[in-house]
Structure formats: C-alpha cells, structure tokens
Amino acid sequence: MIENNPQPAWNETPETHMAFSFVWLTNNERYGFKALQKMKGNDAQILESLFEFLETISKNPWSFTKHRNRYNGGFEELPVAEMEPAILDGIPPETRATITSVMVFRFNKSKDRLIALKEGSVLNILGFDLHFNLYDHGS
C-alpha cells in the first residue's frame, strides 16, 4: 500500500538533495550572469569558489545547509525589503508579491553572496552579490 504523502509547502525543507534553477535569475548585469562573465585574472577565484560551493551543497541533503551556520555552508534569511529591487526582477509578479525574505549563502571565504529562494527541493538562484551593494552589509 502506498501512503499518500502531501507535498511540503514551498518553503519547507524536504530531506532530499537540492536542485538548482536559474529561471528567476535577475537580468541586472550587476547581480546576474553578466557580473560573473566580467571576471578576469584573480577574480576567477570567485567562480571556482562558487562552483565548489554549489557542488558541495548539491551533494548533501537540505538538512546540511539548514543546520549549518552562515559562515560554513549554511544561510541566513534577510527581508526582501532590505534588498535592491533588481534582485527580484526575474520573479513573476504574482509570486514576487508573496515573498517576504530571501536566503543568503556565503561563498569564497564569506566574501561573496548567492541570493536564492527555495521552492520544495529546488533552490531558485536569484543573483550574486559580489561587491557588497545588493543590501546593507552593516559596518
């Protein structure tokens, strides 16, 4: 007999490995793929670190990131109101209206940020904060 297990809510953390989606990635060149494409020389370390980070979290269940601190593979949630509006430009308006916070992951020895939303087991990557100008990082 197969039990009918209800689907988790969009923001619950299922015990599965995460998949990545870039469908909601911003078109803003400061925070999207264009920002990554402009990197040269020593900045290539940022890309290497990003890929290593994505590989690490993709090979672990959601609980790996949920139970780690923000400096060691985990994340912090920040209110959408604190973000530059450009980070949400790829999200459909009807979905955008329901979002109150985003997930911020640190990579490259905590120097850079990946901004995302989770939807089931999918991590929707919204953009990258490579110059500390997407939100107020404090002093």
Protein backbone atom coordinates (compact mmCIF):
# COMPACT_ATOMS: atom_id res chain seq x y z
CA MET A 1 0.00 0.00 0.00
CA ILE A 2 1.37 3.42 -0.96
CA GLU A 3 0.73 6.18 1.51
CA ASN A 4 -0.44 9.48 0.17
CA ASN A 5 2.17 11.91 1.47
CA PRO A 6 1.22 15.54 0.96
CA GLN A 7 3.74 17.76 -0.80
CA PRO A 8 5.67 20.06 1.54
CA ALA A 9 4.85 23.76 1.43
CA TRP A 10 7.06 25.77 -0.92
CA ASN A 11 9.26 26.99 1.93
CA GLU A 12 9.57 23.73 3.89
CA THR A 13 12.84 21.86 3.78
CA PRO A 14 12.39 18.34 2.39
CA GLU A 15 15.01 15.70 3.14
CA THR A 16 16.19 15.50 -0.44
CA HIS A 17 19.15 16.80 -2.32
CA MET A 18 18.64 20.22 -3.78
CA ALA A 19 18.36 21.03 -7.44
CA PHE A 20 19.21 24.43 -8.86
CA SER A 21 17.12 26.64 -11.07
CA PHE A 22 18.16 29.87 -12.74
CA VAL A 23 14.73 30.65 -14.19
CA TRP A 24 14.29 33.57 -11.75
CA LEU A 25 17.87 34.86 -12.09
CA THR A 26 17.95 38.64 -12.33
CA ASN A 27 18.66 40.31 -15.65
CA ASN A 28 20.54 43.07 -13.84
CA GLU A 29 24.16 42.97 -15.01
CA ARG A 30 25.49 43.85 -11.53
CA TYR A 31 23.92 40.76 -9.93
CA GLY A 32 23.35 38.16 -12.68
CA PHE A 33 25.48 36.05 -15.01
CA LYS A 34 26.93 39.16 -16.67
CA ALA A 35 28.63 40.03 -13.38
CA LEU A 36 30.28 36.59 -13.42
CA GLN A 37 31.22 36.85 -17.10
CA LYS A 38 33.18 40.08 -16.47
CA MET A 39 35.60 38.36 -14.11
CA LYS A 40 39.21 38.01 -15.21
CA GLY A 41 42.54 37.20 -13.64
CA ASN A 42 42.39 36.86 -9.87
CA ASP A 43 38.62 37.25 -9.95
CA ALA A 44 38.43 33.74 -11.43
CA GLN A 45 38.86 32.50 -7.85
CA ILE A 46 35.31 33.73 -7.19
CA LEU A 47 33.96 31.46 -9.93
CA GLU A 48 35.97 28.50 -8.69
CA SER A 49 34.68 29.08 -5.16
CA LEU A 50 31.09 29.44 -6.40
CA PHE A 51 31.26 26.16 -8.30
CA GLU A 52 32.81 24.38 -5.32
CA PHE A 53 30.07 25.76 -3.08
CA LEU A 54 27.29 24.68 -5.45
CA GLU A 55 28.85 21.24 -5.78
CA THR A 56 29.09 20.83 -2.00
CA ILE A 57 25.53 21.83 -1.23
CA SER A 58 24.12 19.85 -4.15
CA LYS A 59 25.71 16.64 -2.85
CA ASN A 60 24.12 16.99 0.58
CA PRO A 61 20.51 16.90 1.75
CA TRP A 62 18.74 20.11 2.64
CA SER A 63 19.38 19.49 6.31
CA PHE A 64 23.10 20.04 5.60
CA THR A 65 22.51 23.73 4.86
CA LYS A 66 19.63 24.15 7.26
CA HIS A 67 21.71 23.10 10.28
CA ARG A 68 24.96 24.86 9.42
CA ASN A 69 25.85 28.43 10.25
CA ARG A 70 26.00 31.10 7.57
CA TYR A 71 29.80 31.04 7.51
CA ASN A 72 30.08 27.30 6.94
CA GLY A 73 27.70 26.23 4.17
CA GLY A 74 24.52 27.49 5.77
CA PHE A 75 22.44 30.54 5.02
CA GLU A 76 20.73 33.48 6.61
CA GLU A 77 17.32 34.81 5.75
CA LEU A 78 17.01 38.51 5.05
CA PRO A 79 13.86 40.52 4.45
CA VAL A 80 13.14 41.32 0.81
CA ALA A 81 12.63 44.94 1.86
CA GLU A 82 16.38 45.17 2.59
CA MET A 83 17.37 44.05 -0.92
CA GLU A 84 17.83 46.11 -4.04
CA PRO A 85 14.59 45.57 -6.01
CA ALA A 86 16.63 44.43 -9.04
CA ILE A 87 17.23 41.04 -7.41
CA LEU A 88 13.53 40.21 -7.81
CA ASP A 89 13.09 41.32 -11.43
CA GLY A 90 13.11 37.74 -12.78
CA ILE A 91 10.31 36.54 -10.50
CA PRO A 92 6.72 36.63 -11.82
CA PRO A 93 4.76 39.49 -10.18
CA GLU A 94 2.18 37.19 -8.60
CA THR A 95 4.96 35.19 -6.89
CA ARG A 96 7.01 38.28 -6.04
CA ALA A 97 4.10 39.70 -4.05
CA THR A 98 4.17 36.69 -1.68
CA ILE A 99 7.90 36.73 -0.89
CA THR A 100 8.93 38.24 2.43
CA SER A 101 12.53 37.01 2.72
CA VAL A 102 15.36 35.55 0.68
CA MET A 103 18.14 33.13 1.52
CA VAL A 104 21.69 34.48 1.51
CA PHE A 105 24.54 31.99 1.16
CA ARG A 106 28.17 32.98 1.61
CA PHE A 107 30.96 31.61 -0.57
CA ASN A 108 34.56 32.49 -1.45
CA LYS A 109 35.64 32.56 2.21
CA SER A 110 32.45 34.53 3.03
CA LYS A 111 33.47 37.40 0.74
CA ASP A 112 30.64 36.89 -1.78
CA ARG A 113 26.95 36.08 -1.61
CA LEU A 114 24.46 33.99 -3.53
CA ILE A 115 20.85 35.10 -3.16
CA ALA A 116 18.13 32.47 -3.56
CA LEU A 117 14.64 31.23 -2.77
CA LYS A 118 13.70 27.65 -2.11
CA GLU A 119 10.66 26.01 -3.59
CA GLY A 120 10.34 22.40 -2.45
CA SER A 121 13.71 20.82 -3.17
CA VAL A 122 14.65 23.47 -5.76
CA LEU A 123 16.96 26.34 -4.94
CA ASN A 124 15.96 29.20 -7.24
CA ILE A 125 19.07 31.30 -7.65
CA LEU A 126 18.18 34.98 -7.95
CA GLY A 127 21.64 36.50 -8.23
CA PHE A 128 25.06 37.16 -6.79
CA ASP A 129 26.30 39.95 -4.54
CA LEU A 130 29.97 40.25 -5.46
CA HIS A 131 30.56 43.88 -4.48
CA PHE A 132 28.55 44.23 -1.26
CA ASN A 133 26.00 46.53 -2.87
CA LEU A 134 22.87 44.37 -3.08
CA TYR A 135 21.88 45.10 0.52
CA ASP A 136 23.30 46.86 3.58
CA HIS A 137 26.02 44.59 4.95
CA GLY A 138 26.47 46.68 8.09
CA SER A 139 29.71 48.16 9.25
